[in-house]
Amino acid sequence: MAPSASDVLVRVTAGPTYDPSTHQVVLVNSATPTHITSETCSANISVRIRNYRGLPKGSPETSSYFSHALHTYDQYSISFSLLPKKTISGTALVFGNDIDHPVRDRLPYGTATAFSILKRVIDPGLEGDLYADKPHLYGRALSSFNILSVGEKVAEGKGLGKEEEHGEQVVEEGGEGEGLEWRKSRDVPDDAGKRKGWFLAKDNAERWEWEAGRVYKGDFFNPYLDFNTFSLKLPGFSLSVLGYLGGEDYLRYVLKNIETGDVLFVVVFSLLHQEDIDKEDAANTANKDHSAPTNSASQRHEGESTFEPEAGDLD
């Protein structure tokens, strides 16, 4: 018997690699972004989900983000500030979804139709293979991000600090300070939709570089994925996926250099059954009774007042 939506909760984590041990639990709909840092970049990531009923328990059900005129119909958002530490070509940086195990035997009827609609209404540059041993769907970041804003360069050795936190900020297309002129000098259209279409052309993408030391802000959102019913609701087409999900299923977004394999950040939406959450809570309670508190990546978040930075957390 397929589980019902009320039996499954979402947990969102984010980190600098695919390895779950490097991830932090994201405070969904919080004003405090999740900060990650690695050899490739520094990033502050915010995740919003409308009518959220996932983990951590007690998370806000919504965000003022969804009251903004740009987002009254959107169901979720992954927004970020990004400071690359290595320059990446415009054609190499991709954003999208991938999975570590095959799902071809459990893909629901209508998957091919859903993919064709996704390409038409969300990202015409989306490419990939859902029937591969490691399924993936990637689009060029320049044409995949709904919103892209270019900021200024920062002093060498300086990372993203609290001044870059953007939990309540709605990112808008364009740029800030010298970054706006830098963008205009590359003839990038001012309008978000036109910018996405313009960068579908490889020649235009080749003229762009994601510069090391320059701050970029972006936002990826849409009104089509409903995390309360675990369904994809596209124009003229709806696809419920809950009945096809297994215990290892997740929705993973990654920003990576497709040429080198370098990962900038990963955001994972995991689906947890209530019985598994209860077992996990019981195990955590037992561990607290027999051991001292720990600051492991799986149990902490850099926005928490009790957080003490470790050497690896500093830029």
C-alpha atoms as a PDB file:
ATOM      1  CA  MET A   1       0.000   0.000   0.000  1.00  0.00           C
ATOM      2  CA  ALA A   2       1.423   3.379  -1.003  1.00  0.00           C
ATOM      3  CA  PRO A   3       2.121   5.837   1.833  1.00  0.00           C
ATOM      4  CA  SER A   4      -0.036   8.920   2.204  1.00  0.00           C
ATOM      5  CA  ALA A   5       1.397  12.440   2.149  1.00  0.00           C
ATOM      6  CA  SER A   6       0.597  12.817   5.866  1.00  0.00           C
ATOM      7  CA  ASP A   7       2.947   9.890   6.657  1.00  0.00           C
ATOM      8  CA  VAL A   8       5.978  11.492   4.996  1.00  0.00           C
ATOM      9  CA  LEU A   9       7.956  14.580   6.011  1.00  0.00           C
ATOM     10  CA  VAL A  10      10.682  16.527   4.213  1.00  0.00           C
ATOM     11  CA  ARG A  11      14.103  17.233   5.643  1.00  0.00           C
ATOM     12  CA  VAL A  12      16.377  19.643   3.757  1.00  0.00           C
ATOM     13  CA  THR A  13      20.145  19.526   4.098  1.00  0.00           C
ATOM     14  CA  ALA A  14      22.933  21.395   2.318  1.00  0.00           C
ATOM     15  CA  GLY A  15      26.659  21.015   2.041  1.00  0.00           C
ATOM     16  CA  PRO A  16      29.766  21.504  -0.098  1.00  0.00           C
ATOM     17  CA  THR A  17      29.905  17.905  -1.393  1.00  0.00           C
ATOM     18  CA  TYR A  18      27.687  14.916  -2.161  1.00  0.00           C
ATOM     19  CA  ASP A  19      28.796  13.278   1.118  1.00  0.00           C
ATOM     20  CA  PRO A  20      25.889  13.575   3.625  1.00  0.00           C
ATOM     21  CA  SER A  21      28.377  13.780   6.517  1.00  0.00           C
ATOM     22  CA  THR A  22      29.400  17.249   5.244  1.00  0.00           C
ATOM     23  CA  HIS A  23      25.810  18.528   5.286  1.00  0.00           C
ATOM     24  CA  GLN A  24      23.897  20.716   7.722  1.00  0.00           C
ATOM     25  CA  VAL A  25      20.167  20.613   8.312  1.00  0.00           C
ATOM     26  CA  VAL A  26      18.653  23.658   6.589  1.00  0.00           C
ATOM     27  CA  LEU A  27      16.265  25.791   8.642  1.00  0.00           C
ATOM     28  CA  VAL A  28      13.493  26.078   6.046  1.00  0.00           C
ATOM     29  CA  ASN A  29      11.684  29.452   5.893  1.00  0.00           C
ATOM     30  CA  SER A  30      14.202  30.884   8.373  1.00  0.00           C
ATOM     31  CA  ALA A  31      15.809  34.306   8.107  1.00  0.00           C
ATOM     32  CA  THR A  32      19.136  32.600   8.835  1.00  0.00           C
ATOM     33  CA  PRO A  33      20.768  31.111   5.738  1.00  0.00           C
ATOM     34  CA  THR A  34      22.935  28.012   5.801  1.00  0.00           C
ATOM     35  CA  HIS A  35      26.598  28.895   5.313  1.00  0.00           C
ATOM     36  CA  ILE A  36      28.938  26.472   3.593  1.00  0.00           C
ATOM     37  CA  THR A  37      32.554  26.819   2.609  1.00  0.00           C
ATOM     38  CA  SER A  38      35.019  24.681   0.699  1.00  0.00           C
ATOM     39  CA  GLU A  39      38.020  24.937  -1.612  1.00  0.00           C
ATOM     40  CA  THR A  40      35.685  25.871  -4.476  1.00  0.00           C
ATOM     41  CA  CYS A  41      33.431  28.533  -2.945  1.00  0.00           C
ATOM     42  CA  SER A  42      31.666  30.149  -0.026  1.00  0.00           C
ATOM     43  CA  ALA A  43      27.874  30.203  -0.140  1.00  0.00           C
ATOM     44  CA  ASN A  44      24.874  31.255   1.921  1.00  0.00           C
ATOM     45  CA  ILE A  45      21.798  29.230   1.034  1.00  0.00           C
ATOM     46  CA  SER A  46      18.134  29.832   1.926  1.00  0.00           C
ATOM     47  CA  VAL A  47      15.314  27.366   1.234  1.00  0.00           C
ATOM     48  CA  ARG A  48      11.647  28.364   1.372  1.00  0.00           C
ATOM     49  CA  ILE A  49       8.677  26.038   1.028  1.00  0.00           C
ATOM     50  CA  ARG A  50       5.083  27.220   1.042  1.00  0.00           C
ATOM     51  CA  ASN A  51       2.895  25.564   3.718  1.00  0.00           C
ATOM     52  CA  TYR A  52       5.918  23.684   5.037  1.00  0.00           C
ATOM     53  CA  ARG A  53       5.274  20.851   7.490  1.00  0.00           C
ATOM     54  CA  GLY A  54       8.675  19.179   7.488  1.00  0.00           C
ATOM     55  CA  LEU A  55      11.728  19.055   9.708  1.00  0.00           C
ATOM     56  CA  PRO A  56      13.080  20.432  11.962  1.00  0.00           C
ATOM     57  CA  LYS A  57       9.819  20.234  13.908  1.00  0.00           C
ATOM     58  CA  GLY A  58       8.386  23.660  14.639  1.00  0.00           C
ATOM     59  CA  SER A  59       9.768  25.226  11.458  1.00  0.00           C
ATOM     60  CA  PRO A  60       7.790  28.223  10.130  1.00  0.00           C
ATOM     61  CA  GLU A  61       5.007  27.126   7.773  1.00  0.00           C
ATOM     62  CA  THR A  62       5.741  29.911   5.320  1.00  0.00           C
ATOM     63  CA  SER A  63       7.937  32.918   4.597  1.00  0.00           C
ATOM     64  CA  SER A  64       7.342  36.559   3.746  1.00  0.00           C
ATOM     65  CA  TYR A  65       9.100  35.642   0.489  1.00  0.00           C
ATOM     66  CA  PHE A  66       5.797  34.233  -0.812  1.00  0.00           C
ATOM     67  CA  SER A  67       4.072  37.572  -0.216  1.00  0.00           C
ATOM     68  CA  HIS A  68       6.426  39.322  -2.618  1.00  0.00           C
ATOM     69  CA  ALA A  69       4.847  40.225  -5.963  1.00  0.00           C
ATOM     70  CA  LEU A  70       7.355  38.032  -7.821  1.00  0.00           C
ATOM     71  CA  HIS A  71       6.492  34.897  -5.852  1.00  0.00           C
ATOM     72  CA  THR A  72       2.780  34.827  -5.014  1.00  0.00           C
ATOM     73  CA  TYR A  73       2.329  31.602  -7.025  1.00  0.00           C
ATOM     74  CA  ASP A  74       5.622  29.844  -6.275  1.00  0.00           C
ATOM     75  CA  GLN A  75       5.743  26.711  -4.132  1.00  0.00           C
ATOM     76  CA  TYR A  76       9.421  26.688  -3.175  1.00  0.00           C
ATOM     77  CA  SER A  77      12.725  28.494  -3.626  1.00  0.00           C
ATOM     78  CA  ILE A  78      16.446  27.831  -3.368  1.00  0.00           C
ATOM     79  CA  SER A  79      18.213  31.191  -3.194  1.00  0.00           C
ATOM     80  CA  PHE A  80      21.862  31.868  -2.506  1.00  0.00           C
ATOM     81  CA  SER A  81      24.827  34.188  -2.340  1.00  0.00           C
ATOM     82  CA  LEU A  82      27.875  32.649  -3.984  1.00  0.00           C
ATOM     83  CA  LEU A  83      31.559  33.545  -3.879  1.00  0.00           C
ATOM     84  CA  PRO A  84      33.579  31.283  -6.220  1.00  0.00           C
ATOM     85  CA  LYS A  85      37.190  30.702  -5.222  1.00  0.00           C
ATOM     86  CA  LYS A  86      38.109  29.471  -8.701  1.00  0.00           C
ATOM     87  CA  THR A  87      37.080  31.074 -11.995  1.00  0.00           C
ATOM     88  CA  ILE A  88      34.625  28.870 -13.929  1.00  0.00           C
ATOM     89  CA  SER A  89      33.621  29.254 -17.565  1.00  0.00           C
ATOM     90  CA  GLY A  90      30.035  30.129 -18.414  1.00  0.00           C
ATOM     91  CA  THR A  91      29.547  26.870 -20.291  1.00  0.00           C
ATOM     92  CA  ALA A  92      30.920  24.664 -17.489  1.00  0.00           C
ATOM     93  CA  LEU A  93      28.795  25.637 -14.488  1.00  0.00           C
ATOM     94  CA  VAL A  94      25.566  23.602 -14.406  1.00  0.00           C
ATOM     95  CA  PHE A  95      22.630  23.371 -12.018  1.00  0.00           C
ATOM     96  CA  GLY A  96      20.152  20.560 -11.711  1.00  0.00           C
ATOM     97  CA  ASN A  97      19.240  17.199 -10.247  1.00  0.00           C
ATOM     98  CA  ASP A  98      21.031  13.889  -9.998  1.00  0.00           C
ATOM     99  CA  ILE A  99      20.636  10.596  -8.151  1.00  0.00           C
ATOM    100  CA  ASP A 100      23.202   7.964  -7.138  1.00  0.00           C
ATOM    101  CA  HIS A 101      21.083   4.930  -8.005  1.00  0.00           C
ATOM    102  CA  PRO A 102      18.896   3.892 -10.957  1.00  0.00           C
ATOM    103  CA  VAL A 103      15.161   4.631 -10.829  1.00  0.00           C
ATOM    104  CA  ARG A 104      14.178   3.557 -14.345  1.00  0.00           C
ATOM    105  CA  ASP A 105      12.167   0.586 -13.060  1.00  0.00           C
ATOM    106  CA  ARG A 106      10.028   2.849 -10.860  1.00  0.00           C
ATOM    107  CA  LEU A 107       9.490   5.882 -13.052  1.00  0.00           C
ATOM    108  CA  PRO A 108       5.736   6.604 -13.201  1.00  0.00           C
ATOM    109  CA  TYR A 109       3.757   6.566 -16.385  1.00  0.00           C
ATOM    110  CA  GLY A 110       3.907  10.038 -17.913  1.00  0.00           C
ATOM    111  CA  THR A 111       7.555  10.747 -17.036  1.00  0.00           C
ATOM    112  CA  ALA A 112       8.488  11.432 -20.671  1.00  0.00           C
ATOM    113  CA  THR A 113       5.563  13.858 -21.010  1.00  0.00           C
ATOM    114  CA  ALA A 114       6.551  15.602 -17.782  1.00  0.00           C
ATOM    115  CA  PHE A 115      10.133  16.003 -19.013  1.00  0.00           C
ATOM    116  CA  SER A 116       9.049  17.558 -22.306  1.00  0.00           C
ATOM    117  CA  ILE A 117       6.860  20.049 -20.432  1.00  0.00           C
ATOM    118  CA  LEU A 118       9.682  20.834 -17.991  1.00  0.00           C
ATOM    119  CA  LYS A 119      11.937  21.712 -20.922  1.00  0.00           C
ATOM    120  CA  ARG A 120       9.284  23.947 -22.414  1.00  0.00           C
ATOM    121  CA  VAL A 121       8.094  25.879 -19.343  1.00  0.00           C
ATOM    122  CA  ILE A 122      11.040  25.760 -16.919  1.00  0.00           C
ATOM    123  CA  ASP A 123      14.367  25.312 -18.697  1.00  0.00           C
ATOM    124  CA  PRO A 124      14.721  24.721 -22.458  1.00  0.00           C
ATOM    125  CA  GLY A 125      18.409  24.028 -21.852  1.00  0.00           C
ATOM    126  CA  LEU A 126      17.701  21.087 -19.535  1.00  0.00           C
ATOM    127  CA  GLU A 127      19.456  17.904 -20.651  1.00  0.00           C
ATOM    128  CA  GLY A 128      20.007  14.505 -19.088  1.00  0.00           C
ATOM    129  CA  ASP A 129      19.012  10.872 -18.788  1.00  0.00           C
ATOM    130  CA  LEU A 130      16.468   9.614 -16.259  1.00  0.00           C
ATOM    131  CA  TYR A 131      17.041   5.999 -17.322  1.00  0.00           C
ATOM    132  CA  ALA A 132      20.789   5.944 -16.631  1.00  0.00           C
ATOM    133  CA  ASP A 133      22.421   4.086 -13.732  1.00  0.00           C
ATOM    134  CA  LYS A 134      22.934   7.528 -12.189  1.00  0.00           C
ATOM    135  CA  PRO A 135      20.004   9.629 -13.469  1.00  0.00           C
ATOM    136  CA  HIS A 136      20.638  13.340 -14.005  1.00  0.00           C
ATOM    137  CA  LEU A 137      19.051  16.476 -15.389  1.00  0.00           C
ATOM    138  CA  TYR A 138      21.367  19.490 -15.746  1.00  0.00           C
ATOM    139  CA  GLY A 139      20.979  22.907 -17.286  1.00  0.00           C
ATOM    140  CA  ARG A 140      23.575  25.618 -17.792  1.00  0.00           C
ATOM    141  CA  ALA A 141      23.454  27.737 -14.606  1.00  0.00           C
ATOM    142  CA  LEU A 142      23.271  30.934 -16.658  1.00  0.00           C
ATOM    143  CA  SER A 143      19.971  29.850 -18.216  1.00  0.00           C
ATOM    144  CA  SER A 144      18.632  27.712 -15.343  1.00  0.00           C
ATOM    145  CA  PHE A 145      18.553  30.253 -12.525  1.00  0.00           C
ATOM    146  CA  ASN A 146      15.286  32.190 -12.534  1.00  0.00           C
ATOM    147  CA  ILE A 147      17.058  35.216 -11.075  1.00  0.00           C
ATOM    148  CA  LEU A 148      20.714  36.199 -11.367  1.00  0.00           C
ATOM    149  CA  SER A 149      22.378  39.220  -9.784  1.00  0.00           C
ATOM    150  CA  VAL A 150      26.063  40.137 -10.121  1.00  0.00           C
ATOM    151  CA  GLY A 151      27.826  41.751  -7.171  1.00  0.00           C
ATOM    152  CA  GLU A 152      31.192  43.311  -6.566  1.00  0.00           C
ATOM    153  CA  LYS A 153      34.556  41.668  -6.063  1.00  0.00           C
ATOM    154  CA  VAL A 154      35.713  41.199  -2.471  1.00  0.00           C
ATOM    155  CA  ALA A 155      39.151  41.558  -0.964  1.00  0.00           C
ATOM    156  CA  GLU A 156      41.432  38.561  -1.426  1.00  0.00           C
ATOM    157  CA  GLY A 157      40.982  36.043   1.362  1.00  0.00           C
ATOM    158  CA  LYS A 158      37.642  37.477   2.421  1.00  0.00           C
ATOM    159  CA  GLY A 159      34.630  35.163   2.411  1.00  0.00           C
ATOM    160  CA  LEU A 160      30.908  35.696   2.701  1.00  0.00           C
ATOM    161  CA  GLY A 161      30.142  37.138   6.125  1.00  0.00           C
ATOM    162  CA  LYS A 162      27.014  38.195   7.956  1.00  0.00           C
ATOM    163  CA  GLU A 163      26.677  41.193   5.664  1.00  0.00           C
ATOM    164  CA  GLU A 164      25.902  38.707   2.885  1.00  0.00           C
ATOM    165  CA  GLU A 165      23.108  36.956   4.778  1.00  0.00           C
ATOM    166  CA  HIS A 166      19.930  37.211   2.768  1.00  0.00           C
ATOM    167  CA  GLY A 167      17.348  35.096   4.549  1.00  0.00           C
ATOM    168  CA  GLU A 168      14.560  37.672   4.260  1.00  0.00           C
ATOM    169  CA  GLN A 169      15.876  39.320   1.109  1.00  0.00           C
ATOM    170  CA  VAL A 170      14.225  38.651  -2.238  1.00  0.00           C
ATOM    171  CA  VAL A 171      16.919  38.505  -4.920  1.00  0.00           C
ATOM    172  CA  GLU A 172      16.084  40.507  -8.035  1.00  0.00           C
ATOM    173  CA  GLU A 173      17.565  40.370 -11.519  1.00  0.00           C
ATOM    174  CA  GLY A 174      20.441  42.723 -12.269  1.00  0.00           C
ATOM    175  CA  GLY A 175      23.437  43.586 -10.155  1.00  0.00           C
ATOM    176  CA  GLU A 176      24.874  45.619  -7.342  1.00  0.00           C
ATOM    177  CA  GLY A 177      27.511  48.333  -7.505  1.00  0.00           C
ATOM    178  CA  GLU A 178      30.345  47.658  -9.926  1.00  0.00           C
ATOM    179  CA  GLY A 179      28.850  44.229 -10.593  1.00  0.00           C
ATOM    180  CA  LEU A 180      25.970  45.757 -12.515  1.00  0.00           C
ATOM    181  CA  GLU A 181      28.368  47.495 -14.901  1.00  0.00           C
ATOM    182  CA  TRP A 182      30.393  44.288 -15.226  1.00  0.00           C
ATOM    183  CA  ARG A 183      27.221  42.503 -16.314  1.00  0.00           C
ATOM    184  CA  LYS A 184      26.220  45.239 -18.771  1.00  0.00           C
ATOM    185  CA  SER A 185      29.706  45.189 -20.334  1.00  0.00           C
ATOM    186  CA  ARG A 186      28.967  41.630 -21.436  1.00  0.00           C
ATOM    187  CA  ASP A 187      25.724  42.708 -23.153  1.00  0.00           C
ATOM    188  CA  VAL A 188      23.596  40.473 -20.920  1.00  0.00           C
ATOM    189  CA  PRO A 189      19.876  41.401 -21.180  1.00  0.00           C
ATOM    190  CA  ASP A 190      18.388  43.162 -18.154  1.00  0.00           C
ATOM    191  CA  ASP A 191      15.223  41.065 -18.139  1.00  0.00           C
ATOM    192  CA  ALA A 192      15.420  37.655 -16.417  1.00  0.00           C
ATOM    193  CA  GLY A 193      13.497  35.786 -19.108  1.00  0.00           C
ATOM    194  CA  LYS A 194      15.513  37.313 -21.917  1.00  0.00           C
ATOM    195  CA  ARG A 195      18.766  36.606 -20.058  1.00  0.00           C
ATOM    196  CA  LYS A 196      17.847  32.913 -19.743  1.00  0.00           C
ATOM    197  CA  GLY A 197      17.059  32.673 -23.451  1.00  0.00           C
ATOM    198  CA  TRP A 198      20.160  34.634 -24.423  1.00  0.00           C
ATOM    199  CA  PHE A 199      22.458  32.231 -22.563  1.00  0.00           C
ATOM    200  CA  LEU A 200      21.003  29.188 -24.310  1.00  0.00           C
ATOM    201  CA  ALA A 201      23.332  30.171 -27.140  1.00  0.00           C
ATOM    202  CA  LYS A 202      26.755  28.645 -26.485  1.00  0.00           C
ATOM    203  CA  ASP A 203      28.548  31.640 -28.001  1.00  0.00           C
ATOM    204  CA  ASN A 204      26.974  33.959 -25.431  1.00  0.00           C
ATOM    205  CA  ALA A 205      27.756  31.608 -22.539  1.00  0.00           C
ATOM    206  CA  GLU A 206      31.396  31.380 -23.653  1.00  0.00           C
ATOM    207  CA  ARG A 207      31.716  35.148 -23.200  1.00  0.00           C
ATOM    208  CA  TRP A 208      30.900  34.834 -19.505  1.00  0.00           C
ATOM    209  CA  GLU A 209      33.099  33.758 -16.604  1.00  0.00           C
ATOM    210  CA  TRP A 210      32.068  33.127 -13.024  1.00  0.00           C
ATOM    211  CA  GLU A 211      34.967  35.096 -11.585  1.00  0.00           C
ATOM    212  CA  ALA A 212      36.845  34.003  -8.495  1.00  0.00           C
ATOM    213  CA  GLY A 213      36.318  36.568  -5.740  1.00  0.00           C
ATOM    214  CA  ARG A 214      33.117  38.071  -7.172  1.00  0.00           C
ATOM    215  CA  VAL A 215      29.803  37.728  -5.347  1.00  0.00           C
ATOM    216  CA  TYR A 216      26.800  36.389  -7.269  1.00  0.00           C
ATOM    217  CA  LYS A 217      23.243  36.004  -6.031  1.00  0.00           C
ATOM    218  CA  GLY A 218      20.652  33.732  -7.542  1.00  0.00           C
ATOM    219  CA  ASP A 219      17.240  32.226  -7.000  1.00  0.00           C
ATOM    220  CA  PHE A 220      15.644  29.067  -8.375  1.00  0.00           C
ATOM    221  CA  PHE A 221      11.900  28.694  -7.883  1.00  0.00           C
ATOM    222  CA  ASN A 222       8.701  27.525  -9.545  1.00  0.00           C
ATOM    223  CA  PRO A 223       5.006  26.879  -8.835  1.00  0.00           C
ATOM    224  CA  TYR A 224       5.029  23.309 -10.093  1.00  0.00           C
ATOM    225  CA  LEU A 225       6.468  21.077  -7.354  1.00  0.00           C
ATOM    226  CA  ASP A 226       4.197  20.617  -4.307  1.00  0.00           C
ATOM    227  CA  PHE A 227       6.051  19.215  -1.296  1.00  0.00           C
ATOM    228  CA  ASN A 228       2.811  18.677   0.635  1.00  0.00           C
ATOM    229  CA  THR A 229       1.346  16.212  -1.857  1.00  0.00           C
ATOM    230  CA  PHE A 230       4.655  15.167  -3.456  1.00  0.00           C
ATOM    231  CA  SER A 231       3.310  15.877  -6.901  1.00  0.00           C
ATOM    232  CA  LEU A 232       4.462  17.703  -9.997  1.00  0.00           C
ATOM    233  CA  LYS A 233       1.728  20.008 -11.276  1.00  0.00           C
ATOM    234  CA  LEU A 234       2.608  21.247 -14.747  1.00  0.00           C
ATOM    235  CA  PRO A 235       0.390  23.190 -17.162  1.00  0.00           C
ATOM    236  CA  GLY A 236      -2.236  20.714 -18.344  1.00  0.00           C
ATOM    237  CA  PHE A 237      -0.518  17.788 -16.605  1.00  0.00           C
ATOM    238  CA  SER A 238      -0.212  16.472 -13.041  1.00  0.00           C
ATOM    239  CA  LEU A 239       2.022  13.644 -11.835  1.00  0.00           C
ATOM    240  CA  SER A 240       1.883  12.215  -8.296  1.00  0.00           C
ATOM    241  CA  VAL A 241       5.181  10.584  -7.332  1.00  0.00           C
ATOM    242  CA  LEU A 242       4.583   9.493  -3.736  1.00  0.00           C
ATOM    243  CA  GLY A 243       3.495   5.955  -4.627  1.00  0.00           C
ATOM    244  CA  TYR A 244       6.738   5.415  -6.546  1.00  0.00           C
ATOM    245  CA  LEU A 245       9.099   6.550  -3.806  1.00  0.00           C
ATOM    246  CA  GLY A 246      11.353   4.192  -1.869  1.00  0.00           C
ATOM    247  CA  GLY A 247      13.311   4.504   1.349  1.00  0.00           C
ATOM    248  CA  GLU A 248      16.418   5.876  -0.381  1.00  0.00           C
ATOM    249  CA  ASP A 249      14.655   8.454  -2.535  1.00  0.00           C
ATOM    250  CA  TYR A 250      15.473  12.113  -2.422  1.00  0.00           C
ATOM    251  CA  LEU A 251      15.427  15.193  -4.606  1.00  0.00           C
ATOM    252  CA  ARG A 252      18.939  16.550  -4.924  1.00  0.00           C
ATOM    253  CA  TYR A 253      19.980  19.843  -6.491  1.00  0.00           C
ATOM    254  CA  VAL A 254      23.634  20.412  -7.286  1.00  0.00           C
ATOM    255  CA  LEU A 255      25.681  23.322  -8.603  1.00  0.00           C
ATOM    256  CA  LYS A 256      28.846  21.914 -10.168  1.00  0.00           C
ATOM    257  CA  ASN A 257      31.548  22.363 -12.763  1.00  0.00           C
ATOM    258  CA  ILE A 258      30.638  19.747 -15.346  1.00  0.00           C
ATOM    259  CA  GLU A 259      34.117  19.883 -16.908  1.00  0.00           C
ATOM    260  CA  THR A 260      36.158  19.240 -13.738  1.00  0.00           C
ATOM    261  CA  GLY A 261      33.542  17.585 -11.528  1.00  0.00           C
ATOM    262  CA  ASP A 262      34.103  20.202  -8.795  1.00  0.00           C
ATOM    263  CA  VAL A 263      30.992  20.666  -6.657  1.00  0.00           C
ATOM    264  CA  LEU A 264      30.088  24.117  -5.356  1.00  0.00           C
ATOM    265  CA  PHE A 265      27.064  23.177  -3.257  1.00  0.00           C
ATOM    266  CA  VAL A 266      24.435  20.482  -2.874  1.00  0.00           C
ATOM    267  CA  VAL A 267      20.885  20.824  -1.504  1.00  0.00           C
ATOM    268  CA  VAL A 268      18.980  17.626  -0.692  1.00  0.00           C
ATOM    269  CA  PHE A 269      15.250  17.227  -0.028  1.00  0.00           C
ATOM    270  CA  SER A 270      14.928  13.865   1.751  1.00  0.00           C
ATOM    271  CA  LEU A 271      11.585  12.126   2.270  1.00  0.00           C
ATOM    272  CA  LEU A 272      11.246  10.511   5.698  1.00  0.00           C
ATOM    273  CA  HIS A 273       8.441   8.272   6.948  1.00  0.00           C
ATOM    274  CA  GLN A 274       7.024   9.170  10.346  1.00  0.00           C
ATOM    275  CA  GLU A 275       7.992   5.780  11.808  1.00  0.00           C
ATOM    276  CA  ASP A 276      11.615   6.352  10.800  1.00  0.00           C
ATOM    277  CA  ILE A 277      11.556   9.818  12.356  1.00  0.00           C
ATOM    278  CA  ASP A 278      10.197   8.357  15.602  1.00  0.00           C
ATOM    279  CA  LYS A 279      12.991   5.755  15.661  1.00  0.00           C
ATOM    280  CA  GLU A 280      15.580   8.455  14.971  1.00  0.00           C
ATOM    281  CA  ASP A 281      14.196  10.656  17.767  1.00  0.00           C
ATOM    282  CA  ALA A 282      14.301   7.730  20.174  1.00  0.00           C
ATOM    283  CA  ALA A 283      17.892   6.921  19.207  1.00  0.00           C
ATOM    284  CA  ASN A 284      18.946  10.558  19.630  1.00  0.00           C
ATOM    285  CA  THR A 285      17.331  10.684  23.058  1.00  0.00           C
ATOM    286  CA  ALA A 286      19.175   7.523  24.087  1.00  0.00           C
ATOM    287  CA  ASN A 287      22.464   8.907  22.808  1.00  0.00           C
ATOM    288  CA  LYS A 288      21.991  12.139  24.766  1.00  0.00           C
ATOM    289  CA  ASP A 289      21.521  10.103  27.919  1.00  0.00           C
ATOM    290  CA  HIS A 290      24.837   8.287  27.417  1.00  0.00           C
ATOM    291  CA  SER A 291      27.149  10.785  25.746  1.00  0.00           C
ATOM    292  CA  ALA A 292      28.209  14.416  25.741  1.00  0.00           C
ATOM    293  CA  PRO A 293      26.792  16.874  23.166  1.00  0.00           C
ATOM    294  CA  THR A 294      28.497  16.923  19.790  1.00  0.00           C
ATOM    295  CA  ASN A 295      28.921  19.546  17.066  1.00  0.00           C
ATOM    296  CA  SER A 296      28.879  17.081  14.166  1.00  0.00           C
ATOM    297  CA  ALA A 297      27.764  18.432  10.773  1.00  0.00           C
ATOM    298  CA  SER A 298      24.621  16.295  10.861  1.00  0.00           C
ATOM    299  CA  GLN A 299      23.423  17.796  14.157  1.00  0.00           C
ATOM    300  CA  ARG A 300      24.275  21.456  13.962  1.00  0.00           C
ATOM    301  CA  HIS A 301      23.514  24.544  11.938  1.00  0.00           C
ATOM    302  CA  GLU A 302      25.743  27.606  11.785  1.00  0.00           C
ATOM    303  CA  GLY A 303      22.837  29.895  12.586  1.00  0.00           C
ATOM    304  CA  GLU A 304      22.227  28.304  15.973  1.00  0.00           C
ATOM    305  CA  SER A 305      23.248  30.307  19.020  1.00  0.00           C
ATOM    306  CA  THR A 306      25.150  27.319  20.459  1.00  0.00           C
ATOM    307  CA  PHE A 307      27.311  26.876  17.377  1.00  0.00           C
ATOM    308  CA  GLU A 308      31.077  26.990  17.863  1.00  0.00           C
ATOM    309  CA  PRO A 309      33.050  27.154  14.605  1.00  0.00           C
ATOM    310  CA  GLU A 310      35.537  24.459  13.812  1.00  0.00           C
ATOM    311  CA  ALA A 311      38.749  25.051  11.889  1.00  0.00           C
ATOM    312  CA  GLY A 312      37.264  23.644   8.698  1.00  0.00           C
ATOM    313  CA  ASP A 313      34.363  26.106   8.813  1.00  0.00           C
ATOM    314  CA  LEU A 314      36.535  29.182   8.401  1.00  0.00           C
ATOM    315  CA  ASP A 315      37.493  30.704   5.054  1.00  0.00           C
END
